[in-house]
Amino acid sequence: MAPEVVEAFSEEATIYDKRCDLWSLGVILYIMLSGYPPFVGHCGSDCGWEMGEPCHACQNTLFESIQEGKYEFPEKEWAHISPSAKELISKLLLRDAKRRLSAAQVLRHPWVQGGAIHTPSSILLQRNSSARDLTFFAGKAVAMNRQLAEQEGLEAEQEQEGACPLVVTVGSASVRLTPPSNSKLAARRRHRSSLLKGAPVSASELRQLLAPLVIMGDCA
């Protein structure tokens, strides 16, 4: 979240443009190369902020850190990172949006054009738990999406089958029967189950619930 977005969030300002995305790019590059964010917020207590729980104190600390725009390249983690990469990040994490590199300038930057030093991703992922947590969550998200897709397909098949009446032919006579899923007995069983276990949530409903999910971790 860029400083101007923080200001809009706190109602100190209401205008920002696509240049805020260049700040976000700088934050992403910083995390990719170091394994941790350039700006953090923590109140010092066991508030659950790092686990996604809301904490106004941590949020305010994070916002203040972003607005100050102060960050470092600690020697321990950044000794092997090229000066060109650090320069690119520095020109993206500028509080003055007008001074940030444009997307076209980023694409022409020497580090993007092939000056990047290859670093095994495993080293970066092992360096800090933040990267491992993000990787773990990404894997869980992919698995959840796969399960939701399978469940939606199953529900669609069940709806299609349930909508068709059963036709039983005996000799020359045919009798139409109500689908089992639409019977009064099935309805009573579903109602009883919902009272005991809580109303079931379909895959489509669950997807709508998860859509606005935002991870409020300790990174900007």
Protein backbone atom coordinates (compact mmCIF):
# COMPACT_ATOMS: atom_id res chain seq x y z
CA MET A 1 0.00 0.00 0.00
CA ALA A 2 1.58 3.25 -1.18
CA PRO A 3 1.74 6.36 1.06
CA GLU A 4 -0.90 8.15 -0.98
CA VAL A 5 -3.22 5.15 -0.61
CA VAL A 6 -2.63 5.16 3.15
CA GLU A 7 -3.59 8.84 3.19
CA ALA A 8 -6.77 8.07 1.27
CA PHE A 9 -7.46 5.18 3.64
CA SER A 10 -7.14 7.53 6.62
CA GLU A 11 -9.22 10.20 4.82
CA GLU A 12 -6.32 12.65 4.75
CA ALA A 13 -6.46 12.60 0.96
CA THR A 14 -8.74 11.05 -1.63
CA ILE A 15 -6.76 11.13 -4.88
CA TYR A 16 -4.17 8.66 -6.14
CA ASP A 17 -3.43 7.09 -9.51
CA LYS A 18 -1.77 4.07 -11.09
CA ARG A 19 1.64 5.18 -9.82
CA CYS A 20 0.70 3.59 -6.51
CA ASP A 21 1.12 0.25 -8.29
CA LEU A 22 4.79 1.07 -8.90
CA TRP A 23 5.26 1.43 -5.15
CA SER A 24 3.61 -1.97 -4.70
CA LEU A 25 5.99 -3.39 -7.29
CA GLY A 26 8.91 -2.10 -5.24
CA VAL A 27 7.51 -3.80 -2.13
CA ILE A 28 7.04 -7.07 -4.02
CA LEU A 29 10.60 -6.97 -5.37
CA TYR A 30 11.93 -6.28 -1.88
CA ILE A 31 10.06 -9.29 -0.47
CA MET A 32 11.10 -11.55 -3.36
CA LEU A 33 14.78 -10.75 -2.86
CA SER A 34 14.90 -10.75 0.93
CA GLY A 35 12.02 -12.90 2.15
CA TYR A 36 10.51 -10.18 4.36
CA PRO A 37 8.71 -6.83 3.82
CA PRO A 38 10.37 -3.39 3.89
CA PHE A 39 7.68 -1.91 6.14
CA VAL A 40 6.24 -3.62 9.20
CA GLY A 41 3.78 -2.88 11.95
CA HIS A 42 3.69 -4.56 15.33
CA CYS A 43 2.39 -3.31 18.65
CA GLY A 44 4.62 -5.65 20.62
CA SER A 45 1.82 -7.69 22.15
CA ASP A 46 0.37 -11.08 21.29
CA CYS A 47 -2.51 -9.53 19.37
CA GLY A 48 -2.68 -12.05 16.53
CA TRP A 49 -1.85 -9.45 13.86
CA GLU A 50 0.69 -11.74 12.20
CA MET A 51 -1.99 -14.42 11.95
CA GLY A 52 -4.44 -12.08 10.22
CA GLU A 53 -6.32 -10.85 13.28
CA PRO A 54 -7.28 -7.13 13.33
CA CYS A 55 -5.22 -4.79 15.51
CA HIS A 56 -5.60 -1.03 15.19
CA ALA A 57 -2.28 -0.40 16.94
CA CYS A 58 -0.37 -2.63 14.53
CA GLN A 59 -2.21 -1.17 11.55
CA ASN A 60 -1.41 2.38 12.62
CA THR A 61 2.24 1.46 13.16
CA LEU A 62 2.38 -0.07 9.69
CA PHE A 63 0.73 2.97 8.11
CA GLU A 64 3.16 5.31 9.89
CA SER A 65 6.09 3.23 8.66
CA ILE A 66 4.82 3.43 5.09
CA GLN A 67 4.19 7.17 5.25
CA GLU A 68 7.69 7.78 6.62
CA GLY A 69 9.05 5.74 3.74
CA LYS A 70 12.11 4.64 5.70
CA TYR A 71 13.53 1.20 5.00
CA GLU A 72 16.94 -0.45 4.89
CA PHE A 73 18.94 -3.08 3.03
CA PRO A 74 20.47 -5.02 5.96
CA GLU A 75 23.89 -6.37 5.05
CA LYS A 76 23.10 -9.86 6.35
CA GLU A 77 20.30 -10.44 3.83
CA TRP A 78 21.32 -8.06 1.07
CA ALA A 79 25.06 -8.64 0.76
CA HIS A 80 24.62 -10.89 -2.27
CA ILE A 81 21.99 -8.66 -3.95
CA SER A 82 23.31 -6.53 -6.80
CA PRO A 83 23.47 -2.72 -6.52
CA SER A 84 21.32 -2.58 -9.66
CA ALA A 85 18.47 -4.43 -7.93
CA LYS A 86 18.70 -2.16 -4.90
CA GLU A 87 18.67 0.90 -7.14
CA LEU A 88 15.51 -0.30 -8.89
CA ILE A 89 13.75 -0.83 -5.58
CA SER A 90 14.93 2.55 -4.29
CA LYS A 91 13.49 4.30 -7.34
CA LEU A 92 10.14 2.61 -6.81
CA LEU A 93 9.81 3.14 -3.05
CA LEU A 94 9.74 6.93 -3.26
CA ARG A 95 7.12 8.81 -1.25
CA ASP A 96 6.78 11.37 -4.03
CA ALA A 97 4.81 9.49 -6.67
CA LYS A 98 5.99 11.88 -9.38
CA ARG A 99 9.59 10.80 -8.84
CA ARG A 100 8.93 7.07 -9.12
CA LEU A 101 9.93 5.14 -12.19
CA SER A 102 7.17 4.53 -14.70
CA ALA A 103 6.29 1.03 -15.86
CA ALA A 104 8.13 1.67 -19.14
CA GLN A 105 11.23 2.81 -17.27
CA VAL A 106 11.11 -0.30 -15.10
CA LEU A 107 11.06 -2.50 -18.19
CA ARG A 108 14.12 -0.67 -19.55
CA HIS A 109 16.04 -0.90 -16.28
CA PRO A 110 19.36 -2.81 -16.58
CA TRP A 111 18.39 -5.24 -13.82
CA VAL A 112 15.17 -6.17 -15.65
CA GLN A 113 16.96 -6.33 -19.00
CA GLY A 114 19.16 -9.18 -17.87
CA GLY A 115 21.43 -7.86 -15.18
CA ALA A 116 19.81 -9.90 -12.42
CA ILE A 117 22.02 -12.39 -10.62
CA HIS A 118 20.44 -15.83 -10.42
CA THR A 119 19.74 -16.80 -6.83
CA PRO A 120 18.19 -20.18 -5.97
CA SER A 121 14.68 -19.55 -4.71
CA SER A 122 15.15 -22.15 -1.99
CA ILE A 123 17.69 -19.91 -0.24
CA LEU A 124 15.27 -16.99 -0.16
CA LEU A 125 12.37 -19.13 1.01
CA GLN A 126 14.40 -20.60 3.86
CA ARG A 127 15.66 -17.23 5.04
CA ASN A 128 12.43 -15.95 6.50
CA SER A 129 9.16 -17.48 7.59
CA SER A 130 7.11 -14.80 5.78
CA ALA A 131 8.00 -16.26 2.40
CA ARG A 132 7.30 -19.78 3.62
CA ASP A 133 3.94 -18.68 5.02
CA LEU A 134 3.00 -17.08 1.68
CA THR A 135 4.02 -20.23 -0.20
CA PHE A 136 2.00 -22.39 2.20
CA PHE A 137 -1.07 -20.16 1.83
CA ALA A 138 -0.76 -20.17 -1.97
CA GLY A 139 -0.74 -23.97 -1.97
CA LYS A 140 -3.78 -24.08 0.28
CA ALA A 141 -5.58 -21.56 -1.97
CA VAL A 142 -4.93 -23.67 -5.07
CA ALA A 143 -6.20 -26.79 -3.29
CA MET A 144 -9.29 -24.92 -2.08
CA ASN A 145 -10.08 -23.65 -5.60
CA ARG A 146 -9.74 -27.19 -6.95
CA GLN A 147 -12.12 -28.53 -4.31
CA LEU A 148 -14.61 -25.74 -4.97
CA ALA A 149 -14.55 -26.46 -8.70
CA GLU A 150 -15.17 -30.17 -8.09
CA GLN A 151 -17.97 -29.39 -5.63
CA GLU A 152 -19.64 -26.97 -8.04
CA GLY A 153 -19.53 -29.62 -10.76
CA LEU A 154 -21.07 -32.18 -8.42
CA GLU A 155 -23.81 -29.75 -7.35
CA ALA A 156 -24.61 -28.99 -11.00
CA GLU A 157 -24.95 -32.70 -11.76
CA GLN A 158 -27.17 -33.23 -8.73
CA GLU A 159 -29.40 -30.30 -9.69
CA GLN A 160 -29.72 -31.64 -13.23
CA GLU A 161 -30.56 -35.13 -12.00
CA GLY A 162 -32.93 -33.82 -9.34
CA ALA A 163 -34.87 -31.71 -11.83
CA CYS A 164 -35.79 -34.71 -13.98
CA PRO A 165 -38.77 -36.77 -12.79
CA LEU A 166 -38.36 -40.53 -12.62
CA VAL A 167 -40.46 -42.47 -15.14
CA VAL A 168 -41.33 -46.06 -14.27
CA THR A 169 -42.85 -48.17 -17.04
CA VAL A 170 -44.93 -51.21 -16.15
CA GLY A 171 -46.24 -52.97 -19.20
CA SER A 172 -47.95 -50.33 -21.32
CA ALA A 173 -48.42 -47.87 -18.45
CA SER A 174 -45.93 -45.20 -17.33
CA VAL A 175 -45.85 -43.54 -13.93
CA ARG A 176 -43.96 -40.32 -13.14
CA LEU A 177 -42.34 -40.25 -9.70
CA THR A 178 -41.03 -37.22 -7.83
CA PRO A 179 -37.21 -37.21 -7.76
CA PRO A 180 -35.87 -38.43 -4.38
CA SER A 181 -34.12 -35.13 -3.77
CA ASN A 182 -37.44 -33.28 -4.11
CA SER A 183 -39.49 -35.60 -1.92
CA LYS A 184 -41.03 -34.46 1.38
CA LEU A 185 -38.97 -37.06 3.25
CA ALA A 186 -35.73 -35.73 1.79
CA ALA A 187 -36.81 -32.18 2.65
CA ARG A 188 -37.49 -33.18 6.27
CA ARG A 189 -34.11 -34.90 6.50
CA ARG A 190 -32.34 -31.85 5.11
CA HIS A 191 -34.17 -29.60 7.57
CA ARG A 192 -33.29 -31.86 10.51
CA SER A 193 -29.65 -32.00 9.40
CA SER A 194 -29.48 -28.22 9.11
CA LEU A 195 -30.78 -27.83 12.65
CA LEU A 196 -28.21 -30.26 14.04
CA LYS A 197 -25.17 -29.22 12.03
CA GLY A 198 -26.02 -25.76 10.83
CA ALA A 199 -27.20 -24.83 7.35
CA PRO A 200 -24.91 -26.26 4.63
CA VAL A 201 -22.97 -23.84 2.47
CA SER A 202 -22.71 -24.58 -1.23
CA ALA A 203 -19.49 -24.19 -3.21
CA SER A 204 -20.80 -21.09 -4.97
CA GLU A 205 -21.77 -19.50 -1.64
CA LEU A 206 -18.38 -20.38 -0.15
CA ARG A 207 -16.59 -18.84 -3.13
CA GLN A 208 -18.55 -15.61 -2.62
CA LEU A 209 -17.59 -15.59 1.04
CA LEU A 210 -13.89 -16.07 0.25
CA ALA A 211 -13.80 -13.55 -2.62
CA PRO A 212 -13.23 -10.42 -0.49
CA LEU A 213 -10.61 -12.16 1.66
CA VAL A 214 -7.69 -9.83 2.47
CA ILE A 215 -4.60 -10.94 4.32
CA MET A 216 -3.68 -8.28 6.87
CA GLY A 217 -0.22 -9.54 7.68
CA ASP A 218 2.76 -7.54 8.83
CA CYS A 219 3.81 -6.48 5.35
CA ALA A 220 3.04 -3.50 3.14
